[in-house]
Amino acid sequence: IEDVLRIGKVDDQQINTKFLRFYQDSTLQAL
């Protein structure tokens, strides 16, 4: 989350939602 994707801090209250939404991209789902 923090070093590869760089989408925030793992202890952010909203990070799980951000993480899940990030990978809903069709390209990433295909990967």
Full PDB file with SEQRES, HELIX, SHEET, SSBOND, CRYST1, ORIGX, SCALE, CONECT and MASTER records, all heavy atoms in Angstrom:
SEQRES   1 A   31  ILE GLU ASP VAL LEU ARG ILE GLY LYS VAL ASP ASP GLN          
SEQRES   2 A   31  GLN ILE ASN THR LYS PHE LEU ARG PHE TYR GLN ASP SER          
SEQRES   3 A   31  THR LEU GLN ALA LEU                                          
HELIX    1 AA1 ILE A   15  PHE A   22  1                                   8    
HELIX    2 AA2 SER A   26  ALA A   30  1                                   5    
CRYST1    1.000    1.000    1.000  90.00  90.00  90.00 P 1           1          
ORIGX1      1.000000  0.000000  0.000000        0.00000                         
ORIGX2      0.000000  1.000000  0.000000        0.00000                         
ORIGX3      0.000000  0.000000  1.000000        0.00000                         
SCALE1      1.000000  0.000000  0.000000        0.00000                         
SCALE2      0.000000  1.000000  0.000000        0.00000                         
SCALE3      0.000000  0.000000  1.000000        0.00000                         
ATOM      1  N   ILE A   1       0.813  -1.216   0.000  1.00  0.00           N  
ATOM      2  CA  ILE A   1       0.000   0.000   0.000  1.00  0.00           C  
ATOM      3  C   ILE A   1       0.847   1.267   0.000  1.00  0.00           C  
ATOM      4  O   ILE A   1       0.578   2.214  -0.750  1.00  0.00           O  
ATOM      5  CB  ILE A   1      -0.959  -0.010   1.210  1.00  0.00           C  
ATOM      6  CG1 ILE A   1      -2.049  -1.068   0.988  1.00  0.00           C  
ATOM      7  CG2 ILE A   1      -1.582   1.363   1.442  1.00  0.00           C  
ATOM      8  CD1 ILE A   1      -2.966  -1.269   2.174  1.00  0.00           C  
ATOM      9  N   GLU A   2       1.897   1.278   0.832  1.00  0.00           N  
ATOM     10  CA  GLU A   2       2.664   2.508   1.007  1.00  0.00           C  
ATOM     11  C   GLU A   2       3.827   2.665   0.032  1.00  0.00           C  
ATOM     12  O   GLU A   2       4.124   3.790  -0.391  1.00  0.00           O  
ATOM     13  CB  GLU A   2       3.186   2.583   2.445  1.00  0.00           C  
ATOM     14  CG  GLU A   2       2.082   2.652   3.487  1.00  0.00           C  
ATOM     15  CD  GLU A   2       2.611   2.822   4.902  1.00  0.00           C  
ATOM     16  OE1 GLU A   2       3.849   2.857   5.084  1.00  0.00           O  
ATOM     17  OE2 GLU A   2       1.783   2.915   5.838  1.00  0.00           O  
ATOM     18  N   ASP A   3       4.483   1.564  -0.339  1.00  0.00           N  
ATOM     19  CA  ASP A   3       5.703   1.671  -1.156  1.00  0.00           C  
ATOM     20  C   ASP A   3       5.506   1.294  -2.614  1.00  0.00           C  
ATOM     21  O   ASP A   3       6.179   1.837  -3.483  1.00  0.00           O  
ATOM     22  CB  ASP A   3       6.808   0.796  -0.548  1.00  0.00           C  
ATOM     23  CG  ASP A   3       7.155   1.191   0.875  1.00  0.00           C  
ATOM     24  OD1 ASP A   3       7.043   2.395   1.182  1.00  0.00           O  
ATOM     25  OD2 ASP A   3       7.518   0.318   1.673  1.00  0.00           O  
ATOM     26  N   VAL A   4       4.606   0.348  -2.871  1.00  0.00           N  
ATOM     27  CA  VAL A   4       4.396  -0.086  -4.258  1.00  0.00           C  
ATOM     28  C   VAL A   4       3.307   0.754  -4.921  1.00  0.00           C  
ATOM     29  O   VAL A   4       3.531   1.383  -5.956  1.00  0.00           O  
ATOM     30  CB  VAL A   4       4.029  -1.585  -4.321  1.00  0.00           C  
ATOM     31  CG1 VAL A   4       3.777  -2.013  -5.767  1.00  0.00           C  
ATOM     32  CG2 VAL A   4       5.150  -2.429  -3.720  1.00  0.00           C  
ATOM     33  N   LEU A   5       2.132   0.788  -4.307  1.00  0.00           N  
ATOM     34  CA  LEU A   5       1.004   1.517  -4.887  1.00  0.00           C  
ATOM     35  C   LEU A   5       1.026   3.008  -4.540  1.00  0.00           C  
ATOM     36  O   LEU A   5       0.548   3.837  -5.313  1.00  0.00           O  
ATOM     37  CB  LEU A   5      -0.319   0.906  -4.409  1.00  0.00           C  
ATOM     38  CG  LEU A   5      -0.502  -0.589  -4.660  1.00  0.00           C  
ATOM     39  CD1 LEU A   5      -1.843  -1.051  -4.099  1.00  0.00           C  
ATOM     40  CD2 LEU A   5      -0.415  -0.903  -6.149  1.00  0.00           C  
ATOM     41  N   ARG A   6       1.549   3.303  -3.362  1.00  0.00           N  
ATOM     42  CA  ARG A   6       1.633   4.697  -2.863  1.00  0.00           C  
ATOM     43  C   ARG A   6       0.253   5.371  -2.852  1.00  0.00           C  
ATOM     44  O   ARG A   6       0.080   6.470  -3.368  1.00  0.00           O  
ATOM     45  CB  ARG A   6       2.612   5.516  -3.703  1.00  0.00           C  
ATOM     46  CG  ARG A   6       4.044   5.011  -3.673  1.00  0.00           C  
ATOM     47  CD  ARG A   6       4.982   5.972  -4.388  1.00  0.00           C  
ATOM     48  NE  ARG A   6       6.349   5.485  -4.396  1.00  0.00           N  
ATOM     49  CZ  ARG A   6       6.877   4.752  -5.349  1.00  0.00           C  
ATOM     50  NH1 ARG A   6       6.127   4.421  -6.399  1.00  0.00           N  
ATOM     51  NH2 ARG A   6       8.120   4.336  -5.302  1.00  0.00           N  
ATOM     52  N   ILE A   7      -0.711   4.699  -2.255  1.00  0.00           N  
ATOM     53  CA  ILE A   7      -2.070   5.249  -2.220  1.00  0.00           C  
ATOM     54  C   ILE A   7      -2.450   5.765  -0.837  1.00  0.00           C  
ATOM     55  O   ILE A   7      -3.592   6.190  -0.621  1.00  0.00           O  
ATOM     56  CB  ILE A   7      -3.107   4.202  -2.672  1.00  0.00           C  
ATOM     57  CG1 ILE A   7      -3.049   2.953  -1.787  1.00  0.00           C  
ATOM     58  CG2 ILE A   7      -2.913   3.845  -4.130  1.00  0.00           C  
ATOM     59  CD1 ILE A   7      -4.147   1.944  -2.088  1.00  0.00           C  
ATOM     60  N   GLY A   8      -1.500   5.753   0.093  1.00  0.00           N  
ATOM     61  CA  GLY A   8      -1.781   6.258   1.430  1.00  0.00           C  
ATOM     62  C   GLY A   8      -1.082   5.439   2.499  1.00  0.00           C  
ATOM     63  O   GLY A   8      -0.261   4.568   2.201  1.00  0.00           O  
ATOM     64  N   LYS A   9      -1.392   5.738   3.750  1.00  0.00           N  
ATOM     65  CA  LYS A   9      -0.828   5.037   4.889  1.00  0.00           C  
ATOM     66  C   LYS A   9      -1.736   3.886   5.300  1.00  0.00           C  
ATOM     67  O   LYS A   9      -2.962   4.004   5.246  1.00  0.00           O  
ATOM     68  CB  LYS A   9      -0.634   5.990   6.074  1.00  0.00           C  
ATOM     69  CG  LYS A   9       0.365   7.103   5.803  1.00  0.00           C  
ATOM     70  CD  LYS A   9       1.761   6.540   5.591  1.00  0.00           C  
ATOM     71  CE  LYS A   9       2.774   7.641   5.381  1.00  0.00           C  
ATOM     72  NZ  LYS A   9       4.152   7.103   5.152  1.00  0.00           N  
ATOM     73  N   VAL A  10      -1.135   2.807   5.719  1.00  0.00           N  
ATOM     74  CA  VAL A  10      -1.902   1.607   6.028  1.00  0.00           C  
ATOM     75  C   VAL A  10      -2.832   1.801   7.226  1.00  0.00           C  
ATOM     76  O   VAL A  10      -3.820   1.074   7.386  1.00  0.00           O  
ATOM     77  CB  VAL A  10      -0.940   0.416   6.264  1.00  0.00           C  
ATOM     78  CG1 VAL A  10      -0.244   0.522   7.615  1.00  0.00           C  
ATOM     79  CG2 VAL A  10      -1.664  -0.913   6.129  1.00  0.00           C  
ATOM     80  N   ASP A  11      -2.523   2.788   8.082  1.00  0.00           N  
ATOM     81  CA  ASP A  11      -3.375   3.030   9.241  1.00  0.00           C  
ATOM     82  C   ASP A  11      -4.438   4.101   8.985  1.00  0.00           C  
ATOM     83  O   ASP A  11      -5.180   4.490   9.893  1.00  0.00           O  
ATOM     84  CB  ASP A  11      -2.534   3.406  10.465  1.00  0.00           C  
ATOM     85  CG  ASP A  11      -1.606   4.585  10.201  1.00  0.00           C  
ATOM     86  OD1 ASP A  11      -1.638   5.137   9.077  1.00  0.00           O  
ATOM     87  OD2 ASP A  11      -0.848   4.954  11.121  1.00  0.00           O  
ATOM     88  N   ASP A  12      -4.537   4.564   7.750  1.00  0.00           N  
ATOM     89  CA  ASP A  12      -5.602   5.499   7.366  1.00  0.00           C  
ATOM     90  C   ASP A  12      -6.955   4.784   7.493  1.00  0.00           C  
ATOM     91  O   ASP A  12      -7.115   3.650   7.038  1.00  0.00           O  
ATOM     92  CB  ASP A  12      -5.368   5.947   5.920  1.00  0.00           C  
ATOM     93  CG  ASP A  12      -6.389   6.967   5.433  1.00  0.00           C  
ATOM     94  OD1 ASP A  12      -7.456   7.107   6.059  1.00  0.00           O  
ATOM     95  OD2 ASP A  12      -6.128   7.610   4.401  1.00  0.00           O  
ATOM     96  N   GLN A  13      -7.925   5.430   8.109  1.00  0.00           N  
ATOM     97  CA  GLN A  13      -9.233   4.800   8.333  1.00  0.00           C  
ATOM     98  C   GLN A  13      -9.929   4.416   7.031  1.00  0.00           C  
ATOM     99  O   GLN A  13     -10.739   3.481   7.011  1.00  0.00           O  
ATOM    100  CB  GLN A  13     -10.135   5.745   9.140  1.00  0.00           C  
ATOM    101  CG  GLN A  13      -9.697   5.924  10.581  1.00  0.00           C  
ATOM    102  CD  GLN A  13     -10.684   6.751  11.378  1.00  0.00           C  
ATOM    103  OE1 GLN A  13     -11.614   7.345  10.818  1.00  0.00           O  
ATOM    104  NE2 GLN A  13     -10.508   6.801  12.697  1.00  0.00           N  
ATOM    105  N   GLN A  14      -9.623   5.110   5.955  1.00  0.00           N  
ATOM    106  CA  GLN A  14     -10.277   4.857   4.676  1.00  0.00           C  
ATOM    107  C   GLN A  14      -9.416   4.014   3.722  1.00  0.00           C  
ATOM    108  O   GLN A  14      -9.796   3.816   2.571  1.00  0.00           O  
ATOM    109  CB  GLN A  14     -10.613   6.195   3.995  1.00  0.00           C  
ATOM    110  CG  GLN A  14     -11.529   7.090   4.793  1.00  0.00           C  
ATOM    111  CD  GLN A  14     -12.867   6.428   5.053  1.00  0.00           C  
ATOM    112  OE1 GLN A  14     -13.457   5.795   4.166  1.00  0.00           O  
ATOM    113  NE2 GLN A  14     -13.376   6.575   6.280  1.00  0.00           N  
ATOM    114  N   ILE A  15      -8.282   3.524   4.215  1.00  0.00           N  
ATOM    115  CA  ILE A  15      -7.325   2.883   3.293  1.00  0.00           C  
ATOM    116  C   ILE A  15      -7.882   1.605   2.678  1.00  0.00           C  
ATOM    117  O   ILE A  15      -7.602   1.298   1.516  1.00  0.00           O  
ATOM    118  CB  ILE A  15      -5.980   2.592   3.999  1.00  0.00           C  
ATOM    119  CG1 ILE A  15      -4.895   2.322   2.941  1.00  0.00           C  
ATOM    120  CG2 ILE A  15      -6.120   1.452   4.984  1.00  0.00           C  
ATOM    121  CD1 ILE A  15      -4.616   3.467   2.012  1.00  0.00           C  
ATOM    122  N   ASN A  16      -8.678   0.839   3.405  1.00  0.00           N  
ATOM    123  CA  ASN A  16      -9.220  -0.400   2.839  1.00  0.00           C  
ATOM    124  C   ASN A  16     -10.140  -0.111   1.662  1.00  0.00           C  
ATOM    125  O   ASN A  16     -10.133  -0.827   0.655  1.00  0.00           O  
ATOM    126  CB  ASN A  16      -9.975  -1.194   3.910  1.00  0.00           C  
ATOM    127  CG  ASN A  16      -9.050  -1.694   5.005  1.00  0.00           C  
ATOM    128  OD1 ASN A  16      -7.852  -1.866   4.784  1.00  0.00           O  
ATOM    129  ND2 ASN A  16      -9.600  -1.903   6.182  1.00  0.00           N  
ATOM    130  N   THR A  17     -10.933   0.951   1.794  1.00  0.00           N  
ATOM    131  CA  THR A  17     -11.817   1.346   0.697  1.00  0.00           C  
ATOM    132  C   THR A  17     -11.008   1.833  -0.493  1.00  0.00           C  
ATOM    133  O   THR A  17     -11.297   1.479  -1.643  1.00  0.00           O  
ATOM    134  CB  THR A  17     -12.779   2.460   1.163  1.00  0.00           C  
ATOM    135  OG1 THR A  17     -13.533   1.982   2.270  1.00  0.00           O  
ATOM    136  CG2 THR A  17     -13.715   2.866   0.037  1.00  0.00           C  
ATOM    137  N   LYS A  18      -9.965   2.641  -0.233  1.00  0.00           N  
ATOM    138  CA  LYS A  18      -9.096   3.142  -1.300  1.00  0.00           C  
ATOM    139  C   LYS A  18      -8.406   1.988  -2.023  1.00  0.00           C  
ATOM    140  O   LYS A  18      -8.305   1.970  -3.247  1.00  0.00           O  
ATOM    141  CB  LYS A  18      -8.037   4.086  -0.732  1.00  0.00           C  
ATOM    142  CG  LYS A  18      -8.544   5.412  -0.220  1.00  0.00           C  
ATOM    143  CD  LYS A  18      -7.385   6.244   0.316  1.00  0.00           C  
ATOM    144  CE  LYS A  18      -7.857   7.565   0.893  1.00  0.00           C  
ATOM    145  NZ  LYS A  18      -6.719   8.350   1.441  1.00  0.00           N  
ATOM    146  N   PHE A  19      -7.945   1.046  -1.215  1.00  0.00           N  
ATOM    147  CA  PHE A  19      -7.226  -0.114  -1.752  1.00  0.00           C  
ATOM    148  C   PHE A  19      -8.131  -0.922  -2.682  1.00  0.00           C  
ATOM    149  O   PHE A  19      -7.755  -1.281  -3.803  1.00  0.00           O  
ATOM    150  CB  PHE A  19      -6.742  -0.960  -0.576  1.00  0.00           C  
ATOM    151  CG  PHE A  19      -5.927  -2.164  -0.960  1.00  0.00           C  
ATOM    152  CD1 PHE A  19      -4.864  -2.064  -1.838  1.00  0.00           C  
ATOM    153  CD2 PHE A  19      -6.212  -3.414  -0.403  1.00  0.00           C  
ATOM    154  CE1 PHE A  19      -4.100  -3.178  -2.177  1.00  0.00           C  
ATOM    155  CE2 PHE A  19      -5.457  -4.522  -0.729  1.00  0.00           C  
ATOM    156  CZ  PHE A  19      -4.402  -4.410  -1.619  1.00  0.00           C  
ATOM    157  N   LEU A  20      -9.337  -1.194  -2.235  1.00  0.00           N  
ATOM    158  CA  LEU A  20     -10.274  -1.991  -3.032  1.00  0.00           C  
ATOM    159  C   LEU A  20     -10.686  -1.248  -4.302  1.00  0.00           C  
ATOM    160  O   LEU A  20     -10.718  -1.834  -5.387  1.00  0.00           O  
ATOM    161  CB  LEU A  20     -11.511  -2.322  -2.189  1.00  0.00           C  
ATOM    162  CG  LEU A  20     -12.504  -3.308  -2.801  1.00  0.00           C  
ATOM    163  CD1 LEU A  20     -11.838  -4.643  -3.112  1.00  0.00           C  
ATOM    164  CD2 LEU A  20     -13.684  -3.516  -1.846  1.00  0.00           C  
ATOM    165  N   ARG A  21     -10.965   0.035  -4.175  1.00  0.00           N  
ATOM    166  CA  ARG A  21     -11.368   0.827  -5.336  1.00  0.00           C  
ATOM    167  C   ARG A  21     -10.237   0.947  -6.354  1.00  0.00           C  
ATOM    168  O   ARG A  21     -10.487   0.938  -7.564  1.00  0.00           O  
ATOM    169  CB  ARG A  21     -11.806   2.218  -4.891  1.00  0.00           C  
ATOM    170  CG  ARG A  21     -13.177   2.245  -4.218  1.00  0.00           C  
ATOM    171  CD  ARG A  21     -13.528   3.649  -3.777  1.00  0.00           C  
ATOM    172  NE  ARG A  21     -14.869   3.703  -3.167  1.00  0.00           N  
ATOM    173  CZ  ARG A  21     -15.355   4.771  -2.554  1.00  0.00           C  
ATOM    174  NH1 ARG A  21     -14.621   5.890  -2.472  1.00  0.00           N  
ATOM    175  NH2 ARG A  21     -16.559   4.736  -2.045  1.00  0.00           N  
ATOM    176  N   PHE A  22      -9.021   1.059  -5.865  1.00  0.00           N  
ATOM    177  CA  PHE A  22      -7.869   1.200  -6.762  1.00  0.00           C  
ATOM    178  C   PHE A  22      -7.808   0.043  -7.748  1.00  0.00           C  
ATOM    179  O   PHE A  22      -7.518   0.215  -8.936  1.00  0.00           O  
ATOM    180  CB  PHE A  22      -6.578   1.265  -5.940  1.00  0.00           C  
ATOM    181  CG  PHE A  22      -5.330   1.463  -6.757  1.00  0.00           C  
ATOM    182  CD1 PHE A  22      -4.910   2.733  -7.125  1.00  0.00           C  
ATOM    183  CD2 PHE A  22      -4.558   0.370  -7.165  1.00  0.00           C  
ATOM    184  CE1 PHE A  22      -3.757   2.918  -7.879  1.00  0.00           C  
ATOM    185  CE2 PHE A  22      -3.413   0.542  -7.921  1.00  0.00           C  
ATOM    186  CZ  PHE A  22      -3.003   1.822  -8.277  1.00  0.00           C  
ATOM    187  N   TYR A  23      -8.078  -1.167  -7.260  1.00  0.00           N  
ATOM    188  CA  TYR A  23      -7.956  -2.364  -8.099  1.00  0.00           C  
ATOM    189  C   TYR A  23      -9.234  -2.694  -8.880  1.00  0.00           C  
ATOM    190  O   TYR A  23      -9.275  -3.729  -9.544  1.00  0.00           O  
ATOM    191  CB  TYR A  23      -7.545  -3.558  -7.245  1.00  0.00           C  
ATOM    192  CG  TYR A  23      -6.055  -3.658  -7.032  1.00  0.00           C  
ATOM    193  CD1 TYR A  23      -5.472  -3.158  -5.865  1.00  0.00           C  
ATOM    194  CD2 TYR A  23      -5.229  -4.232  -7.987  1.00  0.00           C  
ATOM    195  CE1 TYR A  23      -4.104  -3.246  -5.659  1.00  0.00           C  
ATOM    196  CE2 TYR A  23      -3.859  -4.334  -7.791  1.00  0.00           C  
ATOM    197  CZ  TYR A  23      -3.305  -3.826  -6.628  1.00  0.00           C  
ATOM    198  OH  TYR A  23      -1.940  -3.913  -6.443  1.00  0.00           O  
ATOM    199  N   GLN A  24     -10.236  -1.842  -8.800  1.00  0.00           N  
ATOM    200  CA  GLN A  24     -11.435  -2.103  -9.596  1.00  0.00           C  
ATOM    201  C   GLN A  24     -11.238  -1.710 -11.052  1.00  0.00           C  
ATOM    202  O   GLN A  24     -12.074  -2.021 -11.906  1.00  0.00           O  
ATOM    203  CB  GLN A  24     -12.638  -1.359  -9.006  1.00  0.00           C  
ATOM    204  CG  GLN A  24     -13.023  -1.835  -7.619  1.00  0.00           C  
ATOM    205  CD  GLN A  24     -13.062  -3.357  -7.496  1.00  0.00           C  
ATOM    206  OE1 GLN A  24     -13.845  -4.016  -8.187  1.00  0.00           O  
ATOM    207  NE2 GLN A  24     -12.224  -3.921  -6.634  1.00  0.00           N  
ATOM    208  N   ASP A  25     -10.132  -1.043 -11.336  1.00  0.00           N  
ATOM    209  CA  ASP A  25      -9.776  -0.715 -12.721  1.00  0.00           C  
ATOM    210  C   ASP A  25      -9.726  -2.002 -13.543  1.00  0.00           C  
ATOM    211  O   ASP A  25      -9.161  -3.011 -13.109  1.00  0.00           O  
ATOM    212  CB  ASP A  25      -8.413  -0.013 -12.732  1.00  0.00           C  
ATOM    213  CG  ASP A  25      -7.930   0.296 -14.137  1.00  0.00           C  
ATOM    214  OD1 ASP A  25      -8.320   1.332 -14.680  1.00  0.00           O  
ATOM    215  OD2 ASP A  25      -7.177  -0.538 -14.692  1.00  0.00           O  
ATOM    216  N   SER A  26     -10.311  -1.978 -14.729  1.00  0.00           N  
ATOM    217  CA  SER A  26     -10.406  -3.188 -15.548  1.00  0.00           C  
ATOM    218  C   SER A  26      -9.036  -3.752 -15.921  1.00  0.00           C  
ATOM    219  O   SER A  26      -8.853  -4.968 -16.009  1.00  0.00           O  
ATOM    220  CB  SER A  26     -11.217  -2.907 -16.821  1.00  0.00           C  
ATOM    221  OG  SER A  26     -10.612  -1.874 -17.584  1.00  0.00           O  
ATOM    222  N   THR A  27      -8.060  -2.865 -16.133  1.00  0.00           N  
ATOM    223  CA  THR A  27      -6.704  -3.325 -16.474  1.00  0.00           C  
ATOM    224  C   THR A  27      -6.094  -4.097 -15.320  1.00  0.00           C  
ATOM    225  O   THR A  27      -5.495  -5.170 -15.511  1.00  0.00           O  
ATOM    226  CB  THR A  27      -5.802  -2.123 -16.830  1.00  0.00           C  
ATOM    227  OG1 THR A  27      -6.313  -1.472 -17.995  1.00  0.00           O  
ATOM    228  CG2 THR A  27      -4.368  -2.585 -17.100  1.00  0.00           C  
ATOM    229  N   LEU A  28      -6.252  -3.583 -14.105  1.00  0.00           N  
ATOM    230  CA  LEU A  28      -5.687  -4.254 -12.941  1.00  0.00           C  
ATOM    231  C   LEU A  28      -6.418  -5.558 -12.639  1.00  0.00           C  
ATOM    232  O   LEU A  28      -5.796  -6.541 -12.213  1.00  0.00           O  
ATOM    233  CB  LEU A  28      -5.728  -3.325 -11.726  1.00  0.00           C  
ATOM    234  CG  LEU A  28      -4.849  -2.067 -11.830  1.00  0.00           C  
ATOM    235  CD1 LEU A  28      -4.949  -1.235 -10.560  1.00  0.00           C  
ATOM    236  CD2 LEU A  28      -3.398  -2.439 -12.110  1.00  0.00           C  
ATOM    237  N   GLN A  29      -7.718  -5.590 -12.872  1.00  0.00           N  
ATOM    238  CA  GLN A  29      -8.459  -6.836 -12.685  1.00  0.00           C  
ATOM    239  C   GLN A  29      -7.967  -7.902 -13.667  1.00  0.00           C  
ATOM    240  O   GLN A  29      -7.853  -9.080 -13.326  1.00  0.00           O  
ATOM    241  CB  GLN A  29      -9.960  -6.596 -12.871  1.00  0.00           C  
ATOM    242  CG  GLN A  29     -10.625  -5.860 -11.709  1.00  0.00           C  
ATOM    243  CD  GLN A  29     -10.732  -6.724 -10.466  1.00  0.00           C  
ATOM    244  OE1 GLN A  29     -11.162  -7.868 -10.502  1.00  0.00           O  
ATOM    245  NE2 GLN A  29     -10.324  -6.160  -9.320  1.00  0.00           N  
ATOM    246  N   ALA A  30      -7.655  -7.463 -14.897  1.00  0.00           N  
ATOM    247  CA  ALA A  30      -7.127  -8.395 -15.900  1.00  0.00           C  
ATOM    248  C   ALA A  30      -5.757  -8.909 -15.473  1.00  0.00           C  
ATOM    249  O   ALA A  30      -5.437 -10.095 -15.656  1.00  0.00           O  
ATOM    250  CB  ALA A  30      -7.049  -7.713 -17.261  1.00  0.00           C  
ATOM    251  N   LEU A  31      -4.926  -8.031 -14.893  1.00  0.00           N  
ATOM    252  CA  LEU A  31      -3.604  -8.437 -14.411  1.00  0.00           C  
ATOM    253  C   LEU A  31      -3.720  -9.467 -13.296  1.00  0.00           C  
ATOM    254  O   LEU A  31      -2.980 -10.451 -13.259  1.00  0.00           O  
ATOM    255  CB  LEU A  31      -2.829  -7.214 -13.906  1.00  0.00           C  
ATOM    256  CG  LEU A  31      -2.252  -6.261 -14.952  1.00  0.00           C  
ATOM    257  CD1 LEU A  31      -1.629  -5.054 -14.265  1.00  0.00           C  
ATOM    258  CD2 LEU A  31      -1.214  -6.965 -15.818  1.00  0.00           C  
TER     259      LEU A  31                                                      
MASTER        0    0    0    2    0    0    0    6  258    1    0    3          
END                                                                             
